Amino acid sequence: ITAPKTVLIFLQGKDPLAVLINAKANELFLLLRNFDGNKLNIQEDLKNYFINHHLGNRLFFSIQNSAHIIYQSVQKSGKAFNDISIVDYGAGLGTFYLLAGLLNFKRVVYNDYLPEWKNTAASICDALNINITGYVTGDIDAILNYARTEKFKFDIVASRNVIEHIYDLPFFFR
């Protein structure tokens, strides 16, 4: 007999969307809680940043916020996961793109301004077997160019803790 798994509540709600996102949030939490970041073959400063800021005390909070943003965004879109193209704008090494990558979105695109962050995120996803459709460096213009080149439009542009990096808010929101 095995002991029942403890299910953490990242997202309240009994509707199918909340239940699915909460299940994937639990899956991500366990993946990251048991993940040895020291085995990543990435720049030492970025490795230390990831381990100290994203695998530590903020892990539950970070995943919980990501789950809420995804839930609210998907609800507002009125679309099914497999019809949604989503970008984590200014993703850094947070958990939003990781959680989105565990869900069945049509496209999940990672974005950050700096290539070294993008490369680190790709290494983390590879190590965790999380599929991200594309990795884009640059600002909103780079995101829009990527979508144009790939011939699609984003349904959701999500961002956590990066508004201070958006220098032309009216353009960004248009």
N, C-alpha and C. Protein backbone atom coordinates (compact mmCIF):
# COMPACT_ATOMS: atom_id res chain seq x y z
N ILE A 1 0.86 -1.18 0.00
CA ILE A 1 0.00 0.00 0.00
C ILE A 1 0.89 1.23 0.00
N THR A 2 0.59 2.14 -0.90
CA THR A 2 1.36 3.39 -0.93
C THR A 2 0.54 4.48 -0.29
N ALA A 3 1.22 5.39 0.34
CA ALA A 3 0.54 6.53 0.98
C ALA A 3 -0.02 7.44 -0.11
N PRO A 4 -1.19 8.02 0.15
CA PRO A 4 -1.76 8.93 -0.86
C PRO A 4 -0.88 10.15 -1.04
N LYS A 5 -0.84 10.63 -2.28
CA LYS A 5 -0.06 11.82 -2.56
C LYS A 5 -0.75 13.03 -1.96
N THR A 6 0.03 13.93 -1.40
CA THR A 6 -0.51 15.18 -0.91
C THR A 6 -0.73 16.09 -2.11
N VAL A 7 -1.94 16.61 -2.22
CA VAL A 7 -2.25 17.53 -3.30
C VAL A 7 -2.26 18.94 -2.73
N LEU A 8 -1.39 19.76 -3.25
CA LEU A 8 -1.34 21.16 -2.84
C LEU A 8 -2.38 21.94 -3.61
N ILE A 9 -2.93 22.93 -2.98
CA ILE A 9 -3.94 23.75 -3.63
C ILE A 9 -3.29 25.04 -4.11
N PHE A 10 -2.98 25.07 -5.40
CA PHE A 10 -2.42 26.26 -6.02
C PHE A 10 -3.55 27.16 -6.53
N LEU A 11 -4.68 26.52 -6.81
CA LEU A 11 -5.80 27.21 -7.43
C LEU A 11 -7.09 26.62 -6.87
N GLN A 12 -7.91 27.46 -6.28
CA GLN A 12 -9.21 27.01 -5.77
C GLN A 12 -10.15 26.79 -6.96
N GLY A 13 -11.10 25.96 -6.79
CA GLY A 13 -12.10 25.77 -7.83
C GLY A 13 -12.27 24.31 -8.18
N LYS A 14 -13.48 23.97 -8.55
CA LYS A 14 -13.80 22.58 -8.88
C LYS A 14 -14.12 22.42 -10.37
N ASP A 15 -14.11 23.53 -11.12
CA ASP A 15 -14.39 23.41 -12.55
C ASP A 15 -13.23 22.69 -13.23
N PRO A 16 -13.47 22.06 -14.39
CA PRO A 16 -12.44 21.26 -15.05
C PRO A 16 -11.15 22.03 -15.33
N LEU A 17 -11.24 23.30 -15.68
CA LEU A 17 -10.05 24.10 -15.96
C LEU A 17 -9.20 24.27 -14.71
N ALA A 18 -9.84 24.60 -13.59
CA ALA A 18 -9.11 24.77 -12.32
C ALA A 18 -8.48 23.46 -11.87
N VAL A 19 -9.23 22.36 -12.00
CA VAL A 19 -8.72 21.05 -11.58
C VAL A 19 -7.50 20.66 -12.42
N LEU A 20 -7.57 20.87 -13.73
CA LEU A 20 -6.45 20.53 -14.61
C LEU A 20 -5.22 21.38 -14.30
N ILE A 21 -5.41 22.68 -14.18
CA ILE A 21 -4.27 23.56 -13.90
C ILE A 21 -3.67 23.23 -12.54
N ASN A 22 -4.51 22.96 -11.54
CA ASN A 22 -3.99 22.61 -10.22
C ASN A 22 -3.19 21.30 -10.28
N ALA A 23 -3.67 20.33 -11.05
CA ALA A 23 -2.95 19.06 -11.19
C ALA A 23 -1.58 19.29 -11.83
N LYS A 24 -1.54 20.10 -12.87
CA LYS A 24 -0.26 20.39 -13.54
C LYS A 24 0.65 21.23 -12.65
N ALA A 25 0.07 22.11 -11.85
CA ALA A 25 0.86 22.91 -10.91
C ALA A 25 1.51 21.99 -9.87
N ASN A 26 0.75 20.99 -9.41
CA ASN A 26 1.31 20.00 -8.48
C ASN A 26 2.43 19.21 -9.14
N GLU A 27 2.23 18.84 -10.39
CA GLU A 27 3.25 18.10 -11.13
C GLU A 27 4.53 18.94 -11.24
N LEU A 28 4.38 20.21 -11.59
CA LEU A 28 5.54 21.10 -11.71
C LEU A 28 6.22 21.28 -10.36
N PHE A 29 5.44 21.46 -9.30
CA PHE A 29 6.01 21.62 -7.97
C PHE A 29 6.88 20.43 -7.60
N LEU A 30 6.36 19.22 -7.84
CA LEU A 30 7.14 18.01 -7.52
C LEU A 30 8.38 17.89 -8.40
N LEU A 31 8.23 18.22 -9.68
CA LEU A 31 9.40 18.20 -10.58
C LEU A 31 10.50 19.11 -10.06
N LEU A 32 10.12 20.34 -9.73
CA LEU A 32 11.12 21.32 -9.29
C LEU A 32 11.62 21.04 -7.88
N ARG A 33 10.75 20.56 -7.01
CA ARG A 33 11.16 20.25 -5.63
C ARG A 33 12.21 19.15 -5.63
N ASN A 34 12.11 18.21 -6.57
CA ASN A 34 13.05 17.08 -6.63
C ASN A 34 14.17 17.29 -7.65
N PHE A 35 14.23 18.46 -8.23
CA PHE A 35 15.19 18.75 -9.28
C PHE A 35 16.52 19.22 -8.69
N ASP A 36 17.61 18.65 -9.17
CA ASP A 36 18.94 19.07 -8.73
C ASP A 36 19.50 20.07 -9.74
N GLY A 37 19.30 21.34 -9.44
CA GLY A 37 19.75 22.41 -10.32
C GLY A 37 21.26 22.44 -10.53
N ASN A 38 22.00 21.84 -9.61
CA ASN A 38 23.46 21.82 -9.74
C ASN A 38 23.92 21.00 -10.94
N LYS A 39 23.07 20.13 -11.45
CA LYS A 39 23.44 19.30 -12.59
C LYS A 39 23.26 20.01 -13.93
N LEU A 40 22.67 21.21 -13.91
CA LEU A 40 22.49 21.96 -15.14
C LEU A 40 23.84 22.41 -15.69
N ASN A 41 24.01 22.31 -16.98
CA ASN A 41 25.24 22.75 -17.63
C ASN A 41 25.01 24.16 -18.18
N ILE A 42 24.98 25.13 -17.27
CA ILE A 42 24.71 26.53 -17.62
C ILE A 42 25.68 27.43 -16.86
N GLN A 43 25.68 28.71 -17.22
CA GLN A 43 26.55 29.68 -16.53
C GLN A 43 26.33 29.58 -15.02
N GLU A 44 27.41 29.64 -14.29
CA GLU A 44 27.36 29.47 -12.83
C GLU A 44 26.48 30.52 -12.15
N ASP A 45 26.56 31.77 -12.58
CA ASP A 45 25.75 32.82 -11.94
C ASP A 45 24.26 32.60 -12.20
N LEU A 46 23.90 32.16 -13.39
CA LEU A 46 22.49 31.89 -13.69
C LEU A 46 22.00 30.63 -12.97
N LYS A 47 22.89 29.65 -12.84
CA LYS A 47 22.55 28.44 -12.09
C LYS A 47 22.25 28.79 -10.64
N ASN A 48 23.14 29.60 -10.04
CA ASN A 48 22.93 30.01 -8.65
C ASN A 48 21.65 30.83 -8.50
N TYR A 49 21.40 31.70 -9.44
CA TYR A 49 20.17 32.50 -9.40
C TYR A 49 18.94 31.58 -9.44
N PHE A 50 18.93 30.65 -10.37
CA PHE A 50 17.79 29.73 -10.51
C PHE A 50 17.59 28.91 -9.23
N ILE A 51 18.66 28.36 -8.70
CA ILE A 51 18.57 27.53 -7.50
C ILE A 51 18.10 28.35 -6.31
N ASN A 52 18.71 29.52 -6.11
CA ASN A 52 18.41 30.31 -4.92
C ASN A 52 17.09 31.07 -4.98
N HIS A 53 16.64 31.43 -6.18
CA HIS A 53 15.43 32.23 -6.29
C HIS A 53 14.21 31.46 -6.76
N HIS A 54 14.40 30.35 -7.44
CA HIS A 54 13.25 29.67 -8.01
C HIS A 54 13.05 28.24 -7.51
N LEU A 55 14.02 27.68 -6.88
CA LEU A 55 13.84 26.34 -6.32
C LEU A 55 13.68 26.39 -4.80
N GLY A 56 13.74 27.56 -4.24
CA GLY A 56 13.70 27.70 -2.78
C GLY A 56 12.35 28.06 -2.24
N ASN A 57 12.34 28.99 -1.31
CA ASN A 57 11.13 29.37 -0.57
C ASN A 57 10.02 29.96 -1.43
N ARG A 58 10.36 30.51 -2.58
CA ARG A 58 9.36 31.15 -3.43
C ARG A 58 8.67 30.18 -4.39
N LEU A 59 9.04 28.93 -4.37
CA LEU A 59 8.54 27.98 -5.36
C LEU A 59 7.01 27.88 -5.36
N PHE A 60 6.42 27.66 -4.19
CA PHE A 60 4.96 27.54 -4.13
C PHE A 60 4.30 28.83 -4.61
N PHE A 61 4.76 29.95 -4.10
CA PHE A 61 4.20 31.26 -4.47
C PHE A 61 4.29 31.51 -5.96
N SER A 62 5.43 31.19 -6.54
CA SER A 62 5.64 31.41 -7.97
C SER A 62 4.69 30.56 -8.81
N ILE A 63 4.58 29.29 -8.49
CA ILE A 63 3.68 28.40 -9.23
C ILE A 63 2.23 28.81 -9.02
N GLN A 64 1.88 29.20 -7.82
CA GLN A 64 0.52 29.63 -7.53
C GLN A 64 0.14 30.85 -8.37
N ASN A 65 1.03 31.83 -8.46
CA ASN A 65 0.76 33.00 -9.29
C ASN A 65 0.64 32.62 -10.76
N SER A 66 1.50 31.77 -11.22
CA SER A 66 1.45 31.31 -12.61
C SER A 66 0.14 30.60 -12.89
N ALA A 67 -0.30 29.75 -11.97
CA ALA A 67 -1.55 29.02 -12.14
C ALA A 67 -2.73 29.99 -12.24
N HIS A 68 -2.75 31.00 -11.40
CA HIS A 68 -3.84 31.98 -11.42
C HIS A 68 -3.86 32.77 -12.72
N ILE A 69 -2.70 33.19 -13.18
CA ILE A 69 -2.63 33.96 -14.43
C ILE A 69 -3.11 33.10 -15.60
N ILE A 70 -2.65 31.87 -15.65
CA ILE A 70 -3.08 30.97 -16.73
C ILE A 70 -4.59 30.74 -16.66
N TYR A 71 -5.10 30.46 -15.49
CA TYR A 71 -6.53 30.21 -15.32
C TYR A 71 -7.36 31.40 -15.80
N GLN A 72 -7.04 32.57 -15.30
CA GLN A 72 -7.81 33.76 -15.66
C GLN A 72 -7.69 34.08 -17.15
N SER A 73 -6.50 33.90 -17.69
CA SER A 73 -6.28 34.20 -19.12
C SER A 73 -7.05 33.24 -20.02
N VAL A 74 -7.01 31.97 -19.69
CA VAL A 74 -7.72 30.98 -20.50
C VAL A 74 -9.22 31.22 -20.39
N GLN A 75 -9.70 31.50 -19.19
CA GLN A 75 -11.13 31.80 -19.03
C GLN A 75 -11.55 32.99 -19.90
N LYS A 76 -10.76 34.06 -19.85
CA LYS A 76 -11.10 35.26 -20.61
C LYS A 76 -11.01 35.03 -22.11
N SER A 77 -10.14 34.13 -22.53
CA SER A 77 -10.00 33.87 -23.97
C SER A 77 -11.23 33.15 -24.53
N GLY A 78 -11.86 32.33 -23.70
CA GLY A 78 -13.01 31.56 -24.16
C GLY A 78 -12.63 30.42 -25.09
N LYS A 79 -11.35 30.10 -25.16
CA LYS A 79 -10.87 29.05 -26.05
C LYS A 79 -10.36 27.85 -25.27
N ALA A 80 -10.25 26.73 -25.95
CA ALA A 80 -9.64 25.54 -25.37
C ALA A 80 -8.12 25.67 -25.44
N PHE A 81 -7.41 24.97 -24.55
CA PHE A 81 -5.95 25.01 -24.53
C PHE A 81 -5.34 24.78 -25.91
N ASN A 82 -5.84 23.76 -26.59
CA ASN A 82 -5.21 23.39 -27.86
C ASN A 82 -5.50 24.38 -28.99
N ASP A 83 -6.25 25.44 -28.70
CA ASP A 83 -6.49 26.51 -29.66
C ASP A 83 -5.77 27.80 -29.29
N ILE A 84 -5.01 27.78 -28.21
CA ILE A 84 -4.40 29.00 -27.67
C ILE A 84 -2.90 29.02 -27.90
N SER A 85 -2.43 30.15 -28.43
CA SER A 85 -1.00 30.44 -28.52
C SER A 85 -0.70 31.47 -27.43
N ILE A 86 0.26 31.14 -26.57
CA ILE A 86 0.55 31.96 -25.40
C ILE A 86 2.05 32.27 -25.34
N VAL A 87 2.37 33.47 -24.88
CA VAL A 87 3.77 33.85 -24.69
C VAL A 87 3.95 34.31 -23.25
N ASP A 88 5.04 33.87 -22.65
CA ASP A 88 5.47 34.37 -21.35
C ASP A 88 6.46 35.48 -21.65
N TYR A 89 5.97 36.71 -21.62
CA TYR A 89 6.76 37.89 -21.99
C TYR A 89 7.62 38.32 -20.81
N GLY A 90 8.94 38.35 -21.01
CA GLY A 90 9.86 38.70 -19.94
C GLY A 90 9.95 37.60 -18.90
N ALA A 91 10.03 36.37 -19.37
CA ALA A 91 9.89 35.19 -18.51
C ALA A 91 11.00 35.01 -17.49
N GLY A 92 12.19 35.43 -17.82
CA GLY A 92 13.30 35.17 -16.90
C GLY A 92 13.44 33.67 -16.67
N LEU A 93 13.56 33.28 -15.41
CA LEU A 93 13.65 31.87 -15.06
C LEU A 93 12.52 31.48 -14.13
N GLY A 94 11.37 32.13 -14.29
CA GLY A 94 10.21 31.87 -13.45
C GLY A 94 9.53 30.56 -13.77
N THR A 95 8.31 30.42 -13.30
CA THR A 95 7.60 29.15 -13.45
C THR A 95 6.45 29.21 -14.46
N PHE A 96 6.11 30.40 -14.94
CA PHE A 96 4.96 30.52 -15.82
C PHE A 96 5.14 29.69 -17.09
N TYR A 97 6.25 29.89 -17.81
CA TYR A 97 6.47 29.15 -19.05
C TYR A 97 6.59 27.65 -18.79
N LEU A 98 7.11 27.27 -17.63
CA LEU A 98 7.22 25.86 -17.29
C LEU A 98 5.84 25.24 -17.10
N LEU A 99 4.98 25.93 -16.35
CA LEU A 99 3.62 25.43 -16.14
C LEU A 99 2.85 25.41 -17.46
N ALA A 100 2.97 26.47 -18.23
CA ALA A 100 2.30 26.52 -19.53
C ALA A 100 2.77 25.37 -20.42
N GLY A 101 4.05 25.04 -20.34
CA GLY A 101 4.61 23.95 -21.14
C GLY A 101 4.06 22.59 -20.76
N LEU A 102 3.55 22.45 -19.55
CA LEU A 102 2.96 21.18 -19.12
C LEU A 102 1.50 21.05 -19.55
N LEU A 103 0.92 22.17 -19.94
CA LEU A 103 -0.48 22.16 -20.38
C LEU A 103 -0.52 21.97 -21.89
N ASN A 104 -1.67 21.67 -22.41
CA ASN A 104 -1.79 21.32 -23.82
C ASN A 104 -2.13 22.53 -24.71
N PHE A 105 -1.34 23.60 -24.56
CA PHE A 105 -1.53 24.78 -25.41
C PHE A 105 -1.11 24.47 -26.84
N LYS A 106 -1.68 25.18 -27.78
CA LYS A 106 -1.27 25.04 -29.18
C LYS A 106 0.18 25.45 -29.32
N ARG A 107 0.53 26.59 -28.72
CA ARG A 107 1.91 27.10 -28.72
C ARG A 107 2.21 27.72 -27.37
N VAL A 108 3.41 27.46 -26.87
CA VAL A 108 3.94 28.15 -25.70
C VAL A 108 5.27 28.74 -26.13
N VAL A 109 5.36 30.07 -26.04
CA VAL A 109 6.59 30.75 -26.45
C VAL A 109 7.21 31.43 -25.23
N TYR A 110 8.47 31.19 -25.04
CA TYR A 110 9.26 31.83 -23.99
C TYR A 110 9.87 33.10 -24.56
N ASN A 111 9.87 34.15 -23.77
CA ASN A 111 10.52 35.39 -24.20
C ASN A 111 11.29 36.00 -23.04
N ASP A 112 12.48 36.46 -23.34
CA ASP A 112 13.22 37.33 -22.44
C ASP A 112 14.12 38.20 -23.30
N TYR A 113 14.55 39.29 -22.74
CA TYR A 113 15.34 40.24 -23.50
C TYR A 113 16.76 39.74 -23.77
N LEU A 114 17.29 38.95 -22.84
CA LEU A 114 18.69 38.54 -22.91
C LEU A 114 18.86 37.09 -23.37
N PRO A 115 19.73 36.87 -24.36
CA PRO A 115 19.96 35.51 -24.87
C PRO A 115 20.41 34.51 -23.80
N GLU A 116 21.23 34.95 -22.84
CA GLU A 116 21.71 34.00 -21.83
C GLU A 116 20.56 33.48 -20.95
N TRP A 117 19.52 34.28 -20.73
CA TRP A 117 18.36 33.82 -19.99
C TRP A 117 17.59 32.80 -20.83
N LYS A 118 17.43 33.10 -22.11
CA LYS A 118 16.74 32.19 -23.03
C LYS A 118 17.45 30.84 -23.06
N ASN A 119 18.76 30.86 -23.20
CA ASN A 119 19.53 29.61 -23.26
C ASN A 119 19.42 28.82 -21.95
N THR A 120 19.42 29.53 -20.84
CA THR A 120 19.27 28.88 -19.54
C THR A 120 17.88 28.26 -19.42
N ALA A 121 16.85 29.01 -19.81
CA ALA A 121 15.47 28.48 -19.77
C ALA A 121 15.35 27.23 -20.63
N ALA A 122 15.95 27.25 -21.81
CA ALA A 122 15.91 26.08 -22.70
C ALA A 122 16.59 24.88 -22.04
N SER A 123 17.70 25.11 -21.36
CA SER A 123 18.40 24.02 -20.65
C SER A 123 17.54 23.45 -19.53
N ILE A 124 16.85 24.32 -18.81
CA ILE A 124 15.97 23.87 -17.73
C ILE A 124 14.83 23.04 -18.31
N CYS A 125 14.21 23.53 -19.38
CA CYS A 125 13.12 22.78 -20.01
C CYS A 125 13.59 21.43 -20.53
N ASP A 126 14.76 21.40 -21.13
CA ASP A 126 15.31 20.13 -21.61
C ASP A 126 15.51 19.16 -20.45
N ALA A 127 16.06 19.65 -19.35
CA ALA A 127 16.32 18.79 -18.19
C ALA A 127 15.03 18.26 -17.58
N LEU A 128 13.95 19.05 -17.66
CA LEU A 128 12.67 18.66 -17.07
C LEU A 128 11.72 18.00 -18.08
N ASN A 129 12.17 17.88 -19.33
CA ASN A 129 11.33 17.33 -20.41
C ASN A 129 10.04 18.11 -20.60
N ILE A 130 10.16 19.43 -20.56
CA ILE A 130 9.02 20.31 -20.79
C ILE A 130 9.19 20.93 -22.18
N ASN A 131 8.15 20.78 -22.99
CA ASN A 131 8.22 21.23 -24.38
C ASN A 131 7.74 22.68 -24.51
N ILE A 132 8.61 23.53 -25.03
CA ILE A 132 8.28 24.91 -25.34
C ILE A 132 8.40 25.05 -26.85
N THR A 133 7.41 25.69 -27.47
CA THR A 133 7.37 25.79 -28.93
C THR A 133 8.51 26.63 -29.48
N GLY A 134 8.77 27.75 -28.83
CA GLY A 134 9.80 28.65 -29.33
C GLY A 134 10.39 29.50 -28.23
N TYR A 135 11.62 29.94 -28.45
CA TYR A 135 12.33 30.82 -27.53
C TYR A 135 12.69 32.07 -28.30
N VAL A 136 12.26 33.23 -27.80
CA VAL A 136 12.47 34.48 -28.49
C VAL A 136 13.17 35.46 -27.56
N THR A 137 14.24 36.08 -28.05
CA THR A 137 14.88 37.15 -27.28
C THR A 137 14.48 38.49 -27.87
N GLY A 138 14.40 39.48 -27.00
CA GLY A 138 14.08 40.83 -27.44
C GLY A 138 12.81 41.34 -26.80
N ASP A 139 12.37 42.49 -27.27
CA ASP A 139 11.19 43.14 -26.71
C ASP A 139 9.93 42.74 -27.48
N ILE A 140 8.87 43.50 -27.34
CA ILE A 140 7.59 43.15 -27.94
C ILE A 140 7.69 43.09 -29.47
N ASP A 141 8.55 43.91 -30.06
CA ASP A 141 8.74 43.84 -31.51
C ASP A 141 9.24 42.46 -31.94
N ALA A 142 10.15 41.90 -31.16
CA ALA A 142 10.67 40.57 -31.48
C ALA A 142 9.56 39.52 -31.38
N ILE A 143 8.69 39.66 -30.40
CA ILE A 143 7.57 38.73 -30.24
C ILE A 143 6.62 38.84 -31.43
N LEU A 144 6.29 40.08 -31.81
CA LEU A 144 5.38 40.28 -32.94
C LEU A 144 6.00 39.78 -34.24
N ASN A 145 7.29 40.01 -34.42
CA ASN A 145 7.97 39.51 -35.63
C ASN A 145 7.99 37.99 -35.66
N TYR A 146 8.21 37.38 -34.52
CA TYR A 146 8.20 35.92 -34.44
C TYR A 146 6.84 35.38 -34.88
N ALA A 147 5.77 35.96 -34.33
CA ALA A 147 4.42 35.50 -34.68
C ALA A 147 4.14 35.72 -36.17
N ARG A 148 4.56 36.87 -36.69
CA ARG A 148 4.36 37.15 -38.11
C ARG A 148 5.10 36.13 -38.98
N THR A 149 6.34 35.87 -38.64
CA THR A 149 7.16 34.91 -39.39
C THR A 149 6.56 33.51 -39.35
N GLU A 150 6.04 33.13 -38.19
CA GLU A 150 5.45 31.80 -38.01
C GLU A 150 3.98 31.76 -38.45
N LYS A 151 3.45 32.91 -38.84
CA LYS A 151 2.08 33.03 -39.37
C LYS A 151 0.99 32.66 -38.36
N PHE A 152 1.04 33.30 -37.20
CA PHE A 152 -0.02 33.13 -36.20
C PHE A 152 -0.10 34.40 -35.36
N LYS A 153 -1.13 34.49 -34.55
CA LYS A 153 -1.27 35.59 -33.59
C LYS A 153 -1.37 35.00 -32.19
N PHE A 154 -0.80 35.71 -31.24
CA PHE A 154 -0.91 35.28 -29.86
C PHE A 154 -2.30 35.54 -29.33
N ASP A 155 -2.85 34.57 -28.64
CA ASP A 155 -4.13 34.74 -27.96
C ASP A 155 -3.92 35.34 -26.57
N ILE A 156 -2.78 34.98 -25.96
CA ILE A 156 -2.47 35.45 -24.61
C ILE A 156 -1.03 35.91 -24.56
N VAL A 157 -0.83 37.14 -24.11
CA VAL A 157 0.50 37.66 -23.79
C VAL A 157 0.49 37.86 -22.28
N ALA A 158 1.22 37.00 -21.58
CA ALA A 158 1.23 37.05 -20.12
C ALA A 158 2.59 37.50 -19.64
N SER A 159 2.58 38.14 -18.48
CA SER A 159 3.82 38.66 -17.94
C SER A 159 3.71 38.77 -16.43
N ARG A 160 4.79 38.44 -15.77
CA ARG A 160 4.87 38.60 -14.32
C ARG A 160 6.08 39.46 -13.99
N ASN A 161 5.87 40.48 -13.23
CA ASN A 161 6.97 41.29 -12.68
C ASN A 161 7.87 41.92 -13.73
N VAL A 162 7.31 42.37 -14.85
CA VAL A 162 8.17 42.99 -15.86
C VAL A 162 7.66 44.32 -16.39
N ILE A 163 6.60 44.86 -15.83
CA ILE A 163 6.04 46.09 -16.37
C ILE A 163 7.08 47.21 -16.39
N GLU A 164 8.02 47.18 -15.47
CA GLU A 164 9.05 48.21 -15.43
C GLU A 164 10.00 48.13 -16.63
N HIS A 165 9.95 47.02 -17.35
CA HIS A 165 10.80 46.85 -18.53
C HIS A 165 10.09 47.18 -19.83
N ILE A 166 8.85 47.59 -19.73
CA ILE A 166 8.10 47.97 -20.93
C ILE A 166 8.15 49.49 -21.02
N TYR A 167 8.88 49.99 -21.99
CA TYR A 167 9.18 51.41 -22.05
C TYR A 167 8.12 52.22 -22.78
N ASP A 168 7.32 51.60 -23.60
CA ASP A 168 6.26 52.30 -24.31
C ASP A 168 4.97 51.52 -24.10
N LEU A 169 4.32 51.77 -22.95
CA LEU A 169 3.12 51.01 -22.58
C LEU A 169 2.00 51.12 -23.60
N PRO A 170 1.70 52.31 -24.13
CA PRO A 170 0.62 52.37 -25.14
C PRO A 170 0.88 51.48 -26.35
N PHE A 171 2.13 51.47 -26.85
CA PHE A 171 2.47 50.61 -27.97
C PHE A 171 2.33 49.15 -27.59
N PHE A 172 2.84 48.78 -26.42
CA PHE A 172 2.79 47.40 -25.95
C PHE A 172 1.34 46.90 -25.89
N PHE A 173 0.46 47.68 -25.30
CA PHE A 173 -0.92 47.24 -25.13
C PHE A 173 -1.70 47.25 -26.45
N ARG A 174 -1.29 48.07 -27.42
CA ARG A 174 -1.91 48.00 -28.75
C ARG A 174 -1.53 46.70 -29.41
